[in-house]
């Protein structure tokens, strides 16, 4: 069984208007469009690097995933 990655929710709290084009593209690549929009991603090194690059524009929270229930047959 593969180890499950942690998940994070990224929420856009500040507008990317007036930011450098690279920051605007990073926000768009994270799937954020409007203020207060959010998206859920696996906490991989590439995603965490993107979040760190636009940390002044976003809020991040870790999502606790419930463990799968075993079904008796």
PDB file of N, CA and C in Angstrom:
ATOM      1  N   UNK A   1       0.848  -1.175   0.000  1.00  0.00           N
ATOM      2  CA  UNK A   1       0.000   0.000   0.000  1.00  0.00           C
ATOM      3  C   UNK A   1       0.896   1.242   0.000  1.00  0.00           C
ATOM      4  N   UNK A   2       0.614   2.180  -0.865  1.00  0.00           N
ATOM      5  CA  UNK A   2       1.426   3.385  -0.978  1.00  0.00           C
ATOM      6  C   UNK A   2       1.144   4.337   0.181  1.00  0.00           C
ATOM      7  N   UNK A   3       2.186   5.017   0.595  1.00  0.00           N
ATOM      8  CA  UNK A   3       2.036   5.993   1.674  1.00  0.00           C
ATOM      9  C   UNK A   3       1.289   7.208   1.132  1.00  0.00           C
ATOM     10  N   UNK A   4       0.283   7.641   1.853  1.00  0.00           N
ATOM     11  CA  UNK A   4      -0.541   8.740   1.371  1.00  0.00           C
ATOM     12  C   UNK A   4       0.109  10.074   1.731  1.00  0.00           C
ATOM     13  N   UNK A   5       0.182  10.968   0.750  1.00  0.00           N
ATOM     14  CA  UNK A   5       0.762  12.290   0.957  1.00  0.00           C
ATOM     15  C   UNK A   5      -0.189  13.156   1.785  1.00  0.00           C
ATOM     16  N   UNK A   6       0.380  14.129   2.492  1.00  0.00           N
ATOM     17  CA  UNK A   6      -0.449  15.097   3.201  1.00  0.00           C
ATOM     18  C   UNK A   6      -1.081  16.017   2.177  1.00  0.00           C
ATOM     19  N   UNK A   7      -2.229  16.540   2.525  1.00  0.00           N
ATOM     20  CA  UNK A   7      -2.893  17.470   1.624  1.00  0.00           C
ATOM     21  C   UNK A   7      -2.953  18.842   2.282  1.00  0.00           C
ATOM     22  N   UNK A   8      -2.899  19.876   1.439  1.00  0.00           N
ATOM     23  CA  UNK A   8      -3.006  21.239   1.930  1.00  0.00           C
ATOM     24  C   UNK A   8      -4.082  21.969   1.144  1.00  0.00           C
ATOM     25  N   UNK A   9      -4.727  22.922   1.804  1.00  0.00           N
ATOM     26  CA  UNK A   9      -5.697  23.798   1.137  1.00  0.00           C
ATOM     27  C   UNK A   9      -5.042  25.164   1.022  1.00  0.00           C
ATOM     28  N   UNK A  10      -4.983  25.686  -0.193  1.00  0.00           N
ATOM     29  CA  UNK A  10      -4.384  26.985  -0.470  1.00  0.00           C
ATOM     30  C   UNK A  10      -5.510  27.945  -0.817  1.00  0.00           C
ATOM     31  N   UNK A  11      -5.536  29.112  -0.137  1.00  0.00           N
ATOM     32  CA  UNK A  11      -6.605  30.092  -0.351  1.00  0.00           C
ATOM     33  C   UNK A  11      -5.982  31.435  -0.703  1.00  0.00           C
ATOM     34  N   UNK A  12      -6.496  32.083  -1.741  1.00  0.00           N
ATOM     35  CA  UNK A  12      -5.998  33.380  -2.196  1.00  0.00           C
ATOM     36  C   UNK A  12      -6.587  34.474  -1.308  1.00  0.00           C
ATOM     37  N   UNK A  13      -5.739  35.187  -0.559  1.00  0.00           N
ATOM     38  CA  UNK A  13      -6.233  36.209   0.370  1.00  0.00           C
ATOM     39  C   UNK A  13      -5.845  37.615  -0.048  1.00  0.00           C
ATOM     40  N   UNK A  14      -4.935  37.745  -1.012  1.00  0.00           N
ATOM     41  CA  UNK A  14      -4.548  39.061  -1.506  1.00  0.00           C
ATOM     42  C   UNK A  14      -4.479  39.003  -3.027  1.00  0.00           C
ATOM     43  N   UNK A  15      -4.894  40.065  -3.669  1.00  0.00           N
ATOM     44  CA  UNK A  15      -4.961  40.100  -5.124  1.00  0.00           C
ATOM     45  C   UNK A  15      -3.565  40.083  -5.756  1.00  0.00           C
ATOM     46  N   UNK A  16      -3.404  39.321  -6.834  1.00  0.00           N
ATOM     47  CA  UNK A  16      -2.132  39.334  -7.548  1.00  0.00           C
ATOM     48  C   UNK A  16      -1.976  40.529  -8.497  1.00  0.00           C
ATOM     49  N   UNK A  17      -2.963  41.406  -8.557  1.00  0.00           N
ATOM     50  CA  UNK A  17      -2.850  42.604  -9.387  1.00  0.00           C
ATOM     51  C   UNK A  17      -1.705  43.449  -8.842  1.00  0.00           C
ATOM     52  N   UNK A  18      -0.846  43.885  -9.722  1.00  0.00           N
ATOM     53  CA  UNK A  18       0.296  44.695  -9.321  1.00  0.00           C
ATOM     54  C   UNK A  18       1.517  43.869  -8.959  1.00  0.00           C
ATOM     55  N   UNK A  19       1.379  42.549  -8.952  1.00  0.00           N
ATOM     56  CA  UNK A  19       2.516  41.670  -8.680  1.00  0.00           C
ATOM     57  C   UNK A  19       3.257  41.394  -9.989  1.00  0.00           C
ATOM     58  N   UNK A  20       4.433  40.848  -9.860  1.00  0.00           N
ATOM     59  CA  UNK A  20       5.211  40.503 -11.055  1.00  0.00           C
ATOM     60  C   UNK A  20       4.506  39.374 -11.801  1.00  0.00           C
ATOM     61  N   UNK A  21       4.692  39.311 -13.124  1.00  0.00           N
ATOM     62  CA  UNK A  21       4.024  38.272 -13.925  1.00  0.00           C
ATOM     63  C   UNK A  21       4.305  36.852 -13.433  1.00  0.00           C
ATOM     64  N   UNK A  22       5.493  36.597 -12.933  1.00  0.00           N
ATOM     65  CA  UNK A  22       5.824  35.259 -12.452  1.00  0.00           C
ATOM     66  C   UNK A  22       4.952  34.870 -11.260  1.00  0.00           C
ATOM     67  N   UNK A  23       4.685  35.815 -10.361  1.00  0.00           N
ATOM     68  CA  UNK A  23       3.828  35.538  -9.205  1.00  0.00           C
ATOM     69  C   UNK A  23       2.384  35.315  -9.658  1.00  0.00           C
ATOM     70  N   UNK A  24       1.928  36.098 -10.633  1.00  0.00           N
ATOM     71  CA  UNK A  24       0.563  35.922 -11.152  1.00  0.00           C
ATOM     72  C   UNK A  24       0.402  34.551 -11.799  1.00  0.00           C
ATOM     73  N   UNK A  25       1.410  34.109 -12.542  1.00  0.00           N
ATOM     74  CA  UNK A  25       1.350  32.796 -13.180  1.00  0.00           C
ATOM     75  C   UNK A  25       1.372  31.674 -12.141  1.00  0.00           C
ATOM     76  N   UNK A  26       2.112  31.865 -11.070  1.00  0.00           N
ATOM     77  CA  UNK A  26       2.165  30.848 -10.014  1.00  0.00           C
ATOM     78  C   UNK A  26       0.812  30.716  -9.331  1.00  0.00           C
ATOM     79  N   UNK A  27       0.167  31.844  -9.058  1.00  0.00           N
ATOM     80  CA  UNK A  27      -1.173  31.822  -8.457  1.00  0.00           C
ATOM     81  C   UNK A  27      -2.140  31.087  -9.374  1.00  0.00           C
ATOM     82  N   UNK A  28      -2.073  31.361 -10.669  1.00  0.00           N
ATOM     83  CA  UNK A  28      -2.952  30.699 -11.632  1.00  0.00           C
ATOM     84  C   UNK A  28      -2.655  29.202 -11.708  1.00  0.00           C
ATOM     85  N   UNK A  29      -1.370  28.834 -11.641  1.00  0.00           N
ATOM     86  CA  UNK A  29      -0.978  27.425 -11.704  1.00  0.00           C
ATOM     87  C   UNK A  29      -1.460  26.654 -10.477  1.00  0.00           C
ATOM     88  N   UNK A  30      -1.622  27.345  -9.356  1.00  0.00           N
ATOM     89  CA  UNK A  30      -2.163  26.710  -8.155  1.00  0.00           C
ATOM     90  C   UNK A  30      -3.679  26.541  -8.236  1.00  0.00           C
ATOM     91  N   UNK A  31      -4.292  27.065  -9.292  1.00  0.00           N
ATOM     92  CA  UNK A  31      -5.731  26.903  -9.482  1.00  0.00           C
ATOM     93  C   UNK A  31      -6.554  27.961  -8.779  1.00  0.00           C
ATOM     94  N   UNK A  32      -5.937  29.095  -8.479  1.00  0.00           N
ATOM     95  CA  UNK A  32      -6.639  30.171  -7.776  1.00  0.00           C
ATOM     96  C   UNK A  32      -6.990  31.270  -8.771  1.00  0.00           C
ATOM     97  N   UNK A  33      -8.261  31.679  -8.762  1.00  0.00           N
ATOM     98  CA  UNK A  33      -8.707  32.675  -9.727  1.00  0.00           C
ATOM     99  C   UNK A  33      -9.152  33.964  -9.044  1.00  0.00           C
ATOM    100  N   UNK A  34     -10.128  33.869  -8.175  1.00  0.00           N
ATOM    101  CA  UNK A  34     -10.664  35.053  -7.514  1.00  0.00           C
ATOM    102  C   UNK A  34     -10.222  35.082  -6.053  1.00  0.00           C
ATOM    103  N   UNK A  35     -10.362  36.237  -5.425  1.00  0.00           N
ATOM    104  CA  UNK A  35     -10.061  36.328  -4.000  1.00  0.00           C
ATOM    105  C   UNK A  35     -10.935  35.353  -3.223  1.00  0.00           C
ATOM    106  N   UNK A  36     -10.368  34.769  -2.204  1.00  0.00           N
ATOM    107  CA  UNK A  36     -11.015  33.788  -1.327  1.00  0.00           C
ATOM    108  C   UNK A  36     -11.287  32.452  -2.013  1.00  0.00           C
ATOM    109  N   UNK A  37     -10.820  32.266  -3.259  1.00  0.00           N
ATOM    110  CA  UNK A  37     -10.950  30.955  -3.880  1.00  0.00           C
ATOM    111  C   UNK A  37      -9.901  30.038  -3.267  1.00  0.00           C
ATOM    112  N   UNK A  38     -10.181  28.750  -3.269  1.00  0.00           N
ATOM    113  CA  UNK A  38      -9.239  27.817  -2.671  1.00  0.00           C
ATOM    114  C   UNK A  38      -9.117  26.578  -3.539  1.00  0.00           C
ATOM    115  N   UNK A  39      -8.019  25.861  -3.332  1.00  0.00           N
ATOM    116  CA  UNK A  39      -7.796  24.611  -4.034  1.00  0.00           C
ATOM    117  C   UNK A  39      -7.030  23.682  -3.105  1.00  0.00           C
ATOM    118  N   UNK A  40      -7.181  22.390  -3.346  1.00  0.00           N
ATOM    119  CA  UNK A  40      -6.541  21.370  -2.518  1.00  0.00           C
ATOM    120  C   UNK A  40      -5.468  20.679  -3.350  1.00  0.00           C
ATOM    121  N   UNK A  41      -4.284  20.530  -2.766  1.00  0.00           N
ATOM    122  CA  UNK A  41      -3.157  19.909  -3.449  1.00  0.00           C
ATOM    123  C   UNK A  41      -2.460  18.942  -2.516  1.00  0.00           C
ATOM    124  N   UNK A  42      -1.758  17.970  -3.109  1.00  0.00           N
ATOM    125  CA  UNK A  42      -0.862  17.113  -2.340  1.00  0.00           C
ATOM    126  C   UNK A  42       0.332  17.967  -1.920  1.00  0.00           C
ATOM    127  N   UNK A  43       0.864  17.716  -0.740  1.00  0.00           N
ATOM    128  CA  UNK A  43       1.992  18.504  -0.227  1.00  0.00           C
ATOM    129  C   UNK A  43       3.310  17.966  -0.761  1.00  0.00           C
ATOM    130  N   UNK A  44       3.512  18.101  -2.064  1.00  0.00           N
ATOM    131  CA  UNK A  44       4.756  17.663  -2.693  1.00  0.00           C
ATOM    132  C   UNK A  44       5.756  18.819  -2.664  1.00  0.00           C
ATOM    133  N   UNK A  45       7.044  18.533  -2.825  1.00  0.00           N
ATOM    134  CA  UNK A  45       8.030  19.610  -2.815  1.00  0.00           C
ATOM    135  C   UNK A  45       7.777  20.691  -3.871  1.00  0.00           C
ATOM    136  N   UNK A  46       7.296  20.312  -5.036  1.00  0.00           N
ATOM    137  CA  UNK A  46       7.046  21.314  -6.079  1.00  0.00           C
ATOM    138  C   UNK A  46       5.892  22.239  -5.700  1.00  0.00           C
ATOM    139  N   UNK A  47       4.828  21.687  -5.149  1.00  0.00           N
ATOM    140  CA  UNK A  47       3.687  22.513  -4.733  1.00  0.00           C
ATOM    141  C   UNK A  47       4.089  23.407  -3.562  1.00  0.00           C
ATOM    142  N   UNK A  48       4.836  22.853  -2.606  1.00  0.00           N
ATOM    143  CA  UNK A  48       5.267  23.655  -1.455  1.00  0.00           C
ATOM    144  C   UNK A  48       6.184  24.793  -1.893  1.00  0.00           C
ATOM    145  N   UNK A  49       6.996  24.569  -2.910  1.00  0.00           N
ATOM    146  CA  UNK A  49       7.838  25.639  -3.440  1.00  0.00           C
ATOM    147  C   UNK A  49       7.019  26.729  -4.092  1.00  0.00           C
ATOM    148  N   UNK A  50       5.966  26.344  -4.809  1.00  0.00           N
ATOM    149  CA  UNK A  50       5.086  27.335  -5.429  1.00  0.00           C
ATOM    150  C   UNK A  50       4.383  28.156  -4.356  1.00  0.00           C
ATOM    151  N   UNK A  51       3.924  27.487  -3.309  1.00  0.00           N
ATOM    152  CA  UNK A  51       3.234  28.184  -2.222  1.00  0.00           C
ATOM    153  C   UNK A  51       4.195  29.151  -1.534  1.00  0.00           C
ATOM    154  N   UNK A  52       5.426  28.718  -1.330  1.00  0.00           N
ATOM    155  CA  UNK A  52       6.419  29.571  -0.675  1.00  0.00           C
ATOM    156  C   UNK A  52       6.714  30.806  -1.521  1.00  0.00           C
ATOM    157  N   UNK A  53       6.689  30.665  -2.845  1.00  0.00           N
ATOM    158  CA  UNK A  53       6.982  31.788  -3.735  1.00  0.00           C
ATOM    159  C   UNK A  53       5.902  32.869  -3.680  1.00  0.00           C
ATOM    160  N   UNK A  54       4.671  32.478  -3.400  1.00  0.00           N
ATOM    161  CA  UNK A  54       3.573  33.460  -3.327  1.00  0.00           C
ATOM    162  C   UNK A  54       2.957  33.481  -1.924  1.00  0.00           C
ATOM    163  N   UNK A  55       3.779  33.223  -0.918  1.00  0.00           N
ATOM    164  CA  UNK A  55       3.273  33.141   0.458  1.00  0.00           C
ATOM    165  C   UNK A  55       2.664  34.457   0.938  1.00  0.00           C
ATOM    166  N   UNK A  56       3.044  35.571   0.321  1.00  0.00           N
ATOM    167  CA  UNK A  56       2.489  36.868   0.707  1.00  0.00           C
ATOM    168  C   UNK A  56       1.087  37.082   0.129  1.00  0.00           C
ATOM    169  N   UNK A  57       0.632  36.172  -0.727  1.00  0.00           N
ATOM    170  CA  UNK A  57      -0.688  36.302  -1.348  1.00  0.00           C
ATOM    171  C   UNK A  57      -1.678  35.239  -0.897  1.00  0.00           C
ATOM    172  N   UNK A  58      -1.187  34.162  -0.290  1.00  0.00           N
ATOM    173  CA  UNK A  58      -2.047  33.017   0.010  1.00  0.00           C
ATOM    174  C   UNK A  58      -2.003  32.651   1.497  1.00  0.00           C
ATOM    175  N   UNK A  59      -3.023  31.917   1.908  1.00  0.00           N
ATOM    176  CA  UNK A  59      -3.076  31.306   3.237  1.00  0.00           C
ATOM    177  C   UNK A  59      -3.130  29.799   3.022  1.00  0.00           C
ATOM    178  N   UNK A  60      -2.438  29.061   3.873  1.00  0.00           N
ATOM    179  CA  UNK A  60      -2.324  27.614   3.703  1.00  0.00           C
ATOM    180  C   UNK A  60      -2.760  26.926   4.985  1.00  0.00           C
ATOM    181  N   UNK A  61      -3.523  25.839   4.827  1.00  0.00           N
ATOM    182  CA  UNK A  61      -3.870  25.014   5.978  1.00  0.00           C
ATOM    183  C   UNK A  61      -3.736  23.552   5.591  1.00  0.00           C
ATOM    184  N   UNK A  62      -3.322  22.753   6.548  1.00  0.00           N
ATOM    185  CA  UNK A  62      -3.168  21.328   6.305  1.00  0.00           C
ATOM    186  C   UNK A  62      -4.514  20.652   6.511  1.00  0.00           C
ATOM    187  N   UNK A  63      -4.831  19.720   5.644  1.00  0.00           N
ATOM    188  CA  UNK A  63      -6.097  19.003   5.726  1.00  0.00           C
ATOM    189  C   UNK A  63      -5.816  17.626   6.295  1.00  0.00           C
ATOM    190  N   UNK A  64      -6.537  17.288   7.335  1.00  0.00           N
ATOM    191  CA  UNK A  64      -6.390  15.943   7.878  1.00  0.00           C
ATOM    192  C   UNK A  64      -7.363  15.030   7.152  1.00  0.00           C
ATOM    193  N   UNK A  65      -6.841  14.000   6.528  1.00  0.00           N
ATOM    194  CA  UNK A  65      -7.681  13.080   5.772  1.00  0.00           C
ATOM    195  C   UNK A  65      -8.086  11.921   6.668  1.00  0.00           C
ATOM    196  N   UNK A  66      -9.349  11.590   6.710  1.00  0.00           N
ATOM    197  CA  UNK A  66      -9.788  10.463   7.539  1.00  0.00           C
ATOM    198  C   UNK A  66      -9.257   9.149   6.980  1.00  0.00           C
ATOM    199  N   UNK A  67      -8.960   8.253   7.857  1.00  0.00           N
ATOM    200  CA  UNK A  67      -8.467   6.946   7.418  1.00  0.00           C
ATOM    201  C   UNK A  67      -9.605   6.154   6.795  1.00  0.00           C
ATOM    202  N   UNK A  68      -9.253   5.335   5.835  1.00  0.00           N
ATOM    203  CA  UNK A  68     -10.267   4.523   5.138  1.00  0.00           C
ATOM    204  C   UNK A  68     -10.862   3.508   6.113  1.00  0.00           C
ATOM    205  N   UNK A  69     -12.149   3.345   6.023  1.00  0.00           N
ATOM    206  CA  UNK A  69     -12.826   2.376   6.875  1.00  0.00           C
ATOM    207  C   UNK A  69     -12.736   0.990   6.250  1.00  0.00           C
ATOM    208  N   UNK A  70     -12.488   0.017   7.076  1.00  0.00           N
ATOM    209  CA  UNK A  70     -12.432  -1.353   6.586  1.00  0.00           C
ATOM    210  C   UNK A  70     -13.842  -1.906   6.501  1.00  0.00           C
ATOM    211  N   UNK A  71     -14.168  -2.488   5.376  1.00  0.00           N
ATOM    212  CA  UNK A  71     -15.501  -3.032   5.156  1.00  0.00           C
ATOM    213  C   UNK A  71     -15.452  -4.544   5.380  1.00  0.00           C
ATOM    214  N   UNK A  72     -16.338  -5.016   6.232  1.00  0.00           N
ATOM    215  CA  UNK A  72     -16.395  -6.459   6.487  1.00  0.00           C
ATOM    216  C   UNK A  72     -17.273  -7.107   5.437  1.00  0.00           C
ATOM    217  N   UNK A  73     -16.805  -8.207   4.923  1.00  0.00           N
ATOM    218  CA  UNK A  73     -17.590  -8.898   3.901  1.00  0.00           C
ATOM    219  C   UNK A  73     -18.165 -10.177   4.454  1.00  0.00           C
TER     220      UNK A  73
END
